[in-house]
Amino acid sequence: RNNSTDDETRYNYALAKELLEKEKQ
């Protein structure tokens, strides 16, 4: 929300969602 262009943050965000889904499964 404070810097939407940061690729590293976007990557970590996507990775966190993926790991959460795996944890739920």
PDB file of all heavy atoms in Angstrom:
ATOM      1  N   ARG A   1       0.835  -1.211   0.000  1.00  0.00           N
ATOM      2  CA  ARG A   1       0.000   0.000   0.000  1.00  0.00           C
ATOM      3  C   ARG A   1       0.868   1.259   0.000  1.00  0.00           C
ATOM      4  O   ARG A   1       0.445   2.319  -0.448  1.00  0.00           O
ATOM      5  CB  ARG A   1      -0.925   0.007   1.221  1.00  0.00           C
ATOM      6  CG  ARG A   1      -2.064  -1.004   1.135  1.00  0.00           C
ATOM      7  CD  ARG A   1      -3.049  -0.858   2.285  1.00  0.00           C
ATOM      8  NE  ARG A   1      -4.098  -1.855   2.205  1.00  0.00           N
ATOM      9  CZ  ARG A   1      -4.221  -2.896   3.035  1.00  0.00           C
ATOM     10  NH1 ARG A   1      -3.347  -3.044   4.013  1.00  0.00           N
ATOM     11  NH2 ARG A   1      -5.197  -3.764   2.890  1.00  0.00           N
ATOM     12  N   ASN A   2       2.091   1.112   0.525  1.00  0.00           N
ATOM     13  CA  ASN A   2       3.013   2.247   0.576  1.00  0.00           C
ATOM     14  C   ASN A   2       4.015   2.258  -0.571  1.00  0.00           C
ATOM     15  O   ASN A   2       4.645   3.278  -0.838  1.00  0.00           O
ATOM     16  CB  ASN A   2       3.752   2.251   1.921  1.00  0.00           C
ATOM     17  CG  ASN A   2       2.866   2.649   3.076  1.00  0.00           C
ATOM     18  OD1 ASN A   2       2.617   3.822   3.296  1.00  0.00           O
ATOM     19  ND2 ASN A   2       2.361   1.665   3.805  1.00  0.00           N
ATOM     20  N   ASN A   3       4.157   1.116  -1.228  1.00  0.00           N
ATOM     21  CA  ASN A   3       5.002   1.048  -2.430  1.00  0.00           C
ATOM     22  C   ASN A   3       4.589  -0.179  -3.236  1.00  0.00           C
ATOM     23  O   ASN A   3       5.059  -1.294  -2.988  1.00  0.00           O
ATOM     24  CB  ASN A   3       6.480   0.958  -2.050  1.00  0.00           C
ATOM     25  CG  ASN A   3       7.382   0.900  -3.277  1.00  0.00           C
ATOM     26  OD1 ASN A   3       6.919   0.953  -4.416  1.00  0.00           O
ATOM     27  ND2 ASN A   3       8.681   0.777  -3.064  1.00  0.00           N
ATOM     28  N   SER A   4       3.711   0.048  -4.189  1.00  0.00           N
ATOM     29  CA  SER A   4       3.140  -1.067  -4.953  1.00  0.00           C
ATOM     30  C   SER A   4       4.080  -1.597  -6.032  1.00  0.00           C
ATOM     31  O   SER A   4       3.761  -2.591  -6.690  1.00  0.00           O
ATOM     32  CB  SER A   4       1.822  -0.624  -5.606  1.00  0.00           C
ATOM     33  OG  SER A   4       2.065   0.461  -6.495  1.00  0.00           O
ATOM     34  N   THR A   5       5.225  -0.964  -6.217  1.00  0.00           N
ATOM     35  CA  THR A   5       6.120  -1.348  -7.321  1.00  0.00           C
ATOM     36  C   THR A   5       7.263  -2.258  -6.865  1.00  0.00           C
ATOM     37  O   THR A   5       8.059  -2.686  -7.697  1.00  0.00           O
ATOM     38  CB  THR A   5       6.727  -0.097  -7.987  1.00  0.00           C
ATOM     39  OG1 THR A   5       7.541   0.599  -7.038  1.00  0.00           O
ATOM     40  CG2 THR A   5       5.633   0.832  -8.490  1.00  0.00           C
ATOM     41  N   ASP A   6       7.348  -2.556  -5.574  1.00  0.00           N
ATOM     42  CA  ASP A   6       8.489  -3.338  -5.078  1.00  0.00           C
ATOM     43  C   ASP A   6       8.311  -4.821  -5.419  1.00  0.00           C
ATOM     44  O   ASP A   6       7.413  -5.495  -4.895  1.00  0.00           O
ATOM     45  CB  ASP A   6       8.628  -3.164  -3.562  1.00  0.00           C
ATOM     46  CG  ASP A   6       9.929  -3.769  -3.046  1.00  0.00           C
ATOM     47  OD1 ASP A   6      10.020  -4.996  -2.947  1.00  0.00           O
ATOM     48  OD2 ASP A   6      10.867  -2.995  -2.759  1.00  0.00           O
ATOM     49  N   ASP A   7       9.148  -5.327  -6.302  1.00  0.00           N
ATOM     50  CA  ASP A   7       9.035  -6.718  -6.764  1.00  0.00           C
ATOM     51  C   ASP A   7       9.290  -7.714  -5.641  1.00  0.00           C
ATOM     52  O   ASP A   7       8.654  -8.782  -5.592  1.00  0.00           O
ATOM     53  CB  ASP A   7      10.020  -6.981  -7.908  1.00  0.00           C
ATOM     54  CG  ASP A   7       9.624  -6.270  -9.184  1.00  0.00           C
ATOM     55  OD1 ASP A   7       8.430  -5.949  -9.338  1.00  0.00           O
ATOM     56  OD2 ASP A   7      10.513  -6.007 -10.027  1.00  0.00           O
ATOM     57  N   GLU A   8      10.218  -7.385  -4.768  1.00  0.00           N
ATOM     58  CA  GLU A   8      10.548  -8.305  -3.673  1.00  0.00           C
ATOM     59  C   GLU A   8       9.365  -8.474  -2.721  1.00  0.00           C
ATOM     60  O   GLU A   8       9.064  -9.590  -2.286  1.00  0.00           O
ATOM     61  CB  GLU A   8      11.773  -7.783  -2.911  1.00  0.00           C
ATOM     62  CG  GLU A   8      12.319  -8.775  -1.895  1.00  0.00           C
ATOM     63  CD  GLU A   8      13.517  -8.218  -1.150  1.00  0.00           C
ATOM     64  OE1 GLU A   8      14.192  -7.314  -1.687  1.00  0.00           O
ATOM     65  OE2 GLU A   8      13.766  -8.670  -0.016  1.00  0.00           O
ATOM     66  N   THR A   9       8.706  -7.358  -2.420  1.00  0.00           N
ATOM     67  CA  THR A   9       7.532  -7.429  -1.554  1.00  0.00           C
ATOM     68  C   THR A   9       6.415  -8.224  -2.222  1.00  0.00           C
ATOM     69  O   THR A   9       5.752  -9.043  -1.574  1.00  0.00           O
ATOM     70  CB  THR A   9       7.014  -6.015  -1.205  1.00  0.00           C
ATOM     71  OG1 THR A   9       8.069  -5.271  -0.598  1.00  0.00           O
ATOM     72  CG2 THR A   9       5.852  -6.087  -0.236  1.00  0.00           C
ATOM     73  N   ARG A  10       6.210  -7.997  -3.517  1.00  0.00           N
ATOM     74  CA  ARG A  10       5.171  -8.739  -4.247  1.00  0.00           C
ATOM     75  C   ARG A  10       5.478 -10.234  -4.254  1.00  0.00           C
ATOM     76  O   ARG A  10       4.574 -11.069  -4.099  1.00  0.00           O
ATOM     77  CB  ARG A  10       5.051  -8.210  -5.682  1.00  0.00           C
ATOM     78  CG  ARG A  10       4.322  -6.884  -5.783  1.00  0.00           C
ATOM     79  CD  ARG A  10       3.663  -6.705  -7.157  1.00  0.00           C
ATOM     80  NE  ARG A  10       4.656  -6.768  -8.215  1.00  0.00           N
ATOM     81  CZ  ARG A  10       5.242  -5.706  -8.762  1.00  0.00           C
ATOM     82  NH1 ARG A  10       4.940  -4.499  -8.325  1.00  0.00           N
ATOM     83  NH2 ARG A  10       6.121  -5.834  -9.725  1.00  0.00           N
ATOM     84  N   TYR A  11       6.752 -10.573  -4.434  1.00  0.00           N
ATOM     85  CA  TYR A  11       7.149 -11.988  -4.433  1.00  0.00           C
ATOM     86  C   TYR A  11       6.881 -12.623  -3.063  1.00  0.00           C
ATOM     87  O   TYR A  11       6.298 -13.716  -2.976  1.00  0.00           O
ATOM     88  CB  TYR A  11       8.631 -12.118  -4.781  1.00  0.00           C
ATOM     89  CG  TYR A  11       9.152 -13.528  -4.641  1.00  0.00           C
ATOM     90  CD1 TYR A  11       8.974 -14.461  -5.657  1.00  0.00           C
ATOM     91  CD2 TYR A  11       9.808 -13.923  -3.474  1.00  0.00           C
ATOM     92  CE1 TYR A  11       9.427 -15.763  -5.515  1.00  0.00           C
ATOM     93  CE2 TYR A  11      10.268 -15.222  -3.327  1.00  0.00           C
ATOM     94  CZ  TYR A  11      10.082 -16.145  -4.350  1.00  0.00           C
ATOM     95  OH  TYR A  11      10.528 -17.429  -4.197  1.00  0.00           O
ATOM     96  N   ASN A  12       7.302 -11.937  -2.000  1.00  0.00           N
ATOM     97  CA  ASN A  12       7.099 -12.475  -0.649  1.00  0.00           C
ATOM     98  C   ASN A  12       5.612 -12.591  -0.317  1.00  0.00           C
ATOM     99  O   ASN A  12       5.190 -13.532   0.370  1.00  0.00           O
ATOM    100  CB  ASN A  12       7.797 -11.592   0.382  1.00  0.00           C
ATOM    101  CG  ASN A  12       9.307 -11.769   0.371  1.00  0.00           C
ATOM    102  OD1 ASN A  12       9.852 -12.499  -0.449  1.00  0.00           O
ATOM    103  ND2 ASN A  12       9.986 -11.084   1.273  1.00  0.00           N
ATOM    104  N   TYR A  13       4.826 -11.624  -0.799  1.00  0.00           N
ATOM    105  CA  TYR A  13       3.380 -11.652  -0.586  1.00  0.00           C
ATOM    106  C   TYR A  13       2.764 -12.887  -1.240  1.00  0.00           C
ATOM    107  O   TYR A  13       1.970 -13.612  -0.621  1.00  0.00           O
ATOM    108  CB  TYR A  13       2.765 -10.373  -1.154  1.00  0.00           C
ATOM    109  CG  TYR A  13       1.253 -10.329  -1.165  1.00  0.00           C
ATOM    110  CD1 TYR A  13       0.532 -10.363   0.020  1.00  0.00           C
ATOM    111  CD2 TYR A  13       0.565 -10.240  -2.364  1.00  0.00           C
ATOM    112  CE1 TYR A  13      -0.855 -10.315   0.005  1.00  0.00           C
ATOM    113  CE2 TYR A  13      -0.823 -10.179  -2.391  1.00  0.00           C
ATOM    114  CZ  TYR A  13      -1.525 -10.224  -1.202  1.00  0.00           C
ATOM    115  OH  TYR A  13      -2.898 -10.182  -1.220  1.00  0.00           O
ATOM    116  N   ALA A  14       3.168 -13.147  -2.486  1.00  0.00           N
ATOM    117  CA  ALA A  14       2.656 -14.319  -3.207  1.00  0.00           C
ATOM    118  C   ALA A  14       3.118 -15.613  -2.524  1.00  0.00           C
ATOM    119  O   ALA A  14       2.349 -16.579  -2.410  1.00  0.00           O
ATOM    120  CB  ALA A  14       3.124 -14.298  -4.659  1.00  0.00           C
ATOM    121  N   LEU A  15       4.366 -15.629  -2.061  1.00  0.00           N
ATOM    122  CA  LEU A  15       4.903 -16.820  -1.391  1.00  0.00           C
ATOM    123  C   LEU A  15       4.167 -17.083  -0.085  1.00  0.00           C
ATOM    124  O   LEU A  15       3.845 -18.245   0.229  1.00  0.00           O
ATOM    125  CB  LEU A  15       6.397 -16.624  -1.116  1.00  0.00           C
ATOM    126  CG  LEU A  15       7.116 -17.781  -0.408  1.00  0.00           C
ATOM    127  CD1 LEU A  15       7.041 -19.055  -1.240  1.00  0.00           C
ATOM    128  CD2 LEU A  15       8.568 -17.410  -0.119  1.00  0.00           C
ATOM    129  N   ALA A  16       3.882 -16.032   0.673  1.00  0.00           N
ATOM    130  CA  ALA A  16       3.153 -16.188   1.940  1.00  0.00           C
ATOM    131  C   ALA A  16       1.765 -16.780   1.695  1.00  0.00           C
ATOM    132  O   ALA A  16       1.306 -17.663   2.446  1.00  0.00           O
ATOM    133  CB  ALA A  16       3.036 -14.843   2.654  1.00  0.00           C
ATOM    134  N   LYS A  17       1.085 -16.324   0.641  1.00  0.00           N
ATOM    135  CA  LYS A  17      -0.244 -16.860   0.317  1.00  0.00           C
ATOM    136  C   LYS A  17      -0.148 -18.337  -0.070  1.00  0.00           C
ATOM    137  O   LYS A  17      -0.992 -19.144   0.322  1.00  0.00           O
ATOM    138  CB  LYS A  17      -0.876 -16.052  -0.821  1.00  0.00           C
ATOM    139  CG  LYS A  17      -1.294 -14.656  -0.403  1.00  0.00           C
ATOM    140  CD  LYS A  17      -2.359 -14.072  -1.334  1.00  0.00           C
ATOM    141  CE  LYS A  17      -1.848 -13.888  -2.729  1.00  0.00           C
ATOM    142  NZ  LYS A  17      -2.858 -13.250  -3.594  1.00  0.00           N
ATOM    143  N   GLU A  18       0.889 -18.676  -0.831  1.00  0.00           N
ATOM    144  CA  GLU A  18       1.076 -20.062  -1.247  1.00  0.00           C
ATOM    145  C   GLU A  18       1.345 -20.969  -0.043  1.00  0.00           C
ATOM    146  O   GLU A  18       0.762 -22.063   0.072  1.00  0.00           O
ATOM    147  CB  GLU A  18       2.253 -20.145  -2.226  1.00  0.00           C
ATOM    148  CG  GLU A  18       2.532 -21.550  -2.728  1.00  0.00           C
ATOM    149  CD  GLU A  18       3.737 -21.605  -3.651  1.00  0.00           C
ATOM    150  OE1 GLU A  18       4.115 -20.540  -4.205  1.00  0.00           O
ATOM    151  OE2 GLU A  18       4.322 -22.682  -3.806  1.00  0.00           O
ATOM    152  N   LEU A  19       2.203 -20.514   0.870  1.00  0.00           N
ATOM    153  CA  LEU A  19       2.531 -21.313   2.049  1.00  0.00           C
ATOM    154  C   LEU A  19       1.334 -21.450   2.987  1.00  0.00           C
ATOM    155  O   LEU A  19       1.141 -22.506   3.605  1.00  0.00           O
ATOM    156  CB  LEU A  19       3.712 -20.684   2.799  1.00  0.00           C
ATOM    157  CG  LEU A  19       5.058 -20.754   2.072  1.00  0.00           C
ATOM    158  CD1 LEU A  19       6.120 -19.944   2.816  1.00  0.00           C
ATOM    159  CD2 LEU A  19       5.522 -22.201   1.916  1.00  0.00           C
ATOM    160  N   LEU A  20       0.523 -20.398   3.070  1.00  0.00           N
ATOM    161  CA  LEU A  20      -0.689 -20.469   3.897  1.00  0.00           C
ATOM    162  C   LEU A  20      -1.648 -21.510   3.336  1.00  0.00           C
ATOM    163  O   LEU A  20      -2.239 -22.298   4.082  1.00  0.00           O
ATOM    164  CB  LEU A  20      -1.365 -19.104   3.964  1.00  0.00           C
ATOM    165  CG  LEU A  20      -2.684 -19.061   4.760  1.00  0.00           C
ATOM    166  CD1 LEU A  20      -2.444 -19.423   6.219  1.00  0.00           C
ATOM    167  CD2 LEU A  20      -3.328 -17.674   4.650  1.00  0.00           C
ATOM    168  N   GLU A  21      -1.800 -21.524   2.005  1.00  0.00           N
ATOM    169  CA  GLU A  21      -2.693 -22.495   1.368  1.00  0.00           C
ATOM    170  C   GLU A  21      -2.195 -23.919   1.602  1.00  0.00           C
ATOM    171  O   GLU A  21      -2.985 -24.823   1.896  1.00  0.00           O
ATOM    172  CB  GLU A  21      -2.774 -22.200  -0.137  1.00  0.00           C
ATOM    173  CG  GLU A  21      -3.856 -22.993  -0.861  1.00  0.00           C
ATOM    174  CD  GLU A  21      -5.244 -22.765  -0.300  1.00  0.00           C
ATOM    175  OE1 GLU A  21      -5.540 -21.616   0.107  1.00  0.00           O
ATOM    176  OE2 GLU A  21      -6.032 -23.731  -0.238  1.00  0.00           O
ATOM    177  N   LYS A  22      -0.879 -24.114   1.499  1.00  0.00           N
ATOM    178  CA  LYS A  22      -0.306 -25.444   1.755  1.00  0.00           C
ATOM    179  C   LYS A  22      -0.524 -25.857   3.215  1.00  0.00           C
ATOM    180  O   LYS A  22      -0.801 -27.021   3.503  1.00  0.00           O
ATOM    181  CB  LYS A  22       1.187 -25.442   1.434  1.00  0.00           C
ATOM    182  CG  LYS A  22       1.503 -25.441  -0.052  1.00  0.00           C
ATOM    183  CD  LYS A  22       3.001 -25.492  -0.296  1.00  0.00           C
ATOM    184  CE  LYS A  22       3.315 -25.521  -1.787  1.00  0.00           C
ATOM    185  NZ  LYS A  22       4.785 -25.543  -2.044  1.00  0.00           N
ATOM    186  N   GLU A  23      -0.365 -24.898   4.120  1.00  0.00           N
ATOM    187  CA  GLU A  23      -0.564 -25.177   5.540  1.00  0.00           C
ATOM    188  C   GLU A  23      -2.014 -25.605   5.802  1.00  0.00           C
ATOM    189  O   GLU A  23      -2.265 -26.555   6.554  1.00  0.00           O
ATOM    190  CB  GLU A  23      -0.217 -23.943   6.365  1.00  0.00           C
ATOM    191  CG  GLU A  23      -0.317 -24.151   7.867  1.00  0.00           C
ATOM    192  CD  GLU A  23       0.022 -22.883   8.639  1.00  0.00           C
ATOM    193  OE1 GLU A  23      -0.761 -21.919   8.551  1.00  0.00           O
ATOM    194  OE2 GLU A  23       1.061 -22.851   9.300  1.00  0.00           O
ATOM    195  N   LYS A  24      -2.956 -24.885   5.186  1.00  0.00           N
ATOM    196  CA  LYS A  24      -4.374 -25.228   5.349  1.00  0.00           C
ATOM    197  C   LYS A  24      -4.666 -26.622   4.791  1.00  0.00           C
ATOM    198  O   LYS A  24      -5.396 -27.407   5.405  1.00  0.00           O
ATOM    199  CB  LYS A  24      -5.257 -24.189   4.638  1.00  0.00           C
ATOM    200  CG  LYS A  24      -5.326 -22.853   5.344  1.00  0.00           C
ATOM    201  CD  LYS A  24      -6.218 -21.891   4.582  1.00  0.00           C
ATOM    202  CE  LYS A  24      -6.346 -20.556   5.280  1.00  0.00           C
ATOM    203  NZ  LYS A  24      -7.192 -19.606   4.505  1.00  0.00           N
ATOM    204  N   GLN A  25      -4.097 -26.923   3.613  1.00  0.00           N
ATOM    205  CA  GLN A  25      -4.306 -28.226   3.000  1.00  0.00           C
ATOM    206  C   GLN A  25      -3.711 -29.338   3.856  1.00  0.00           C
ATOM    207  O   GLN A  25      -4.327 -30.399   4.043  1.00  0.00           O
ATOM    208  CB  GLN A  25      -3.670 -28.244   1.597  1.00  0.00           C
ATOM    209  CG  GLN A  25      -3.951 -29.511   0.798  1.00  0.00           C
ATOM    210  CD  GLN A  25      -5.420 -29.723   0.526  1.00  0.00           C
ATOM    211  OE1 GLN A  25      -6.184 -28.768   0.364  1.00  0.00           O
ATOM    212  NE2 GLN A  25      -5.851 -30.981   0.481  1.00  0.00           N
TER     213      GLN A  25
END
